């Protein structure tokens, strides 16, 4: 399964992104291939529509679930309509590496 993790950086020690649409990067973890890659969030610094642009990025990359601390209401509905699972983590300084370890369990 391909999972996108909102990230505030582009390495495994980066912190989990607080806001889905405003995170600077996504860590894409493919559990079937055990592959990890980082990609810039195309909407992280635009004035409006950051969440929608991020959702488009996810669908273009065949993402099946996404992890962040916060999701806007419209984005939640859009992700749900697209069949993308939402996982909300509390903001407690989780690094990407720790989240991937949890996903591997």
Foldseek 3Di string as FASTA:
>chain_A
DKEWFQFQDWDQQTFTAAEQLQRQWIWIADLVVRDTGIDGQPQNPDDDDSLVSSVVVCVVVVAQEYEHQDYDPVSVVVCVVVNRHYDHDHRDRDTNNVVVVVVND
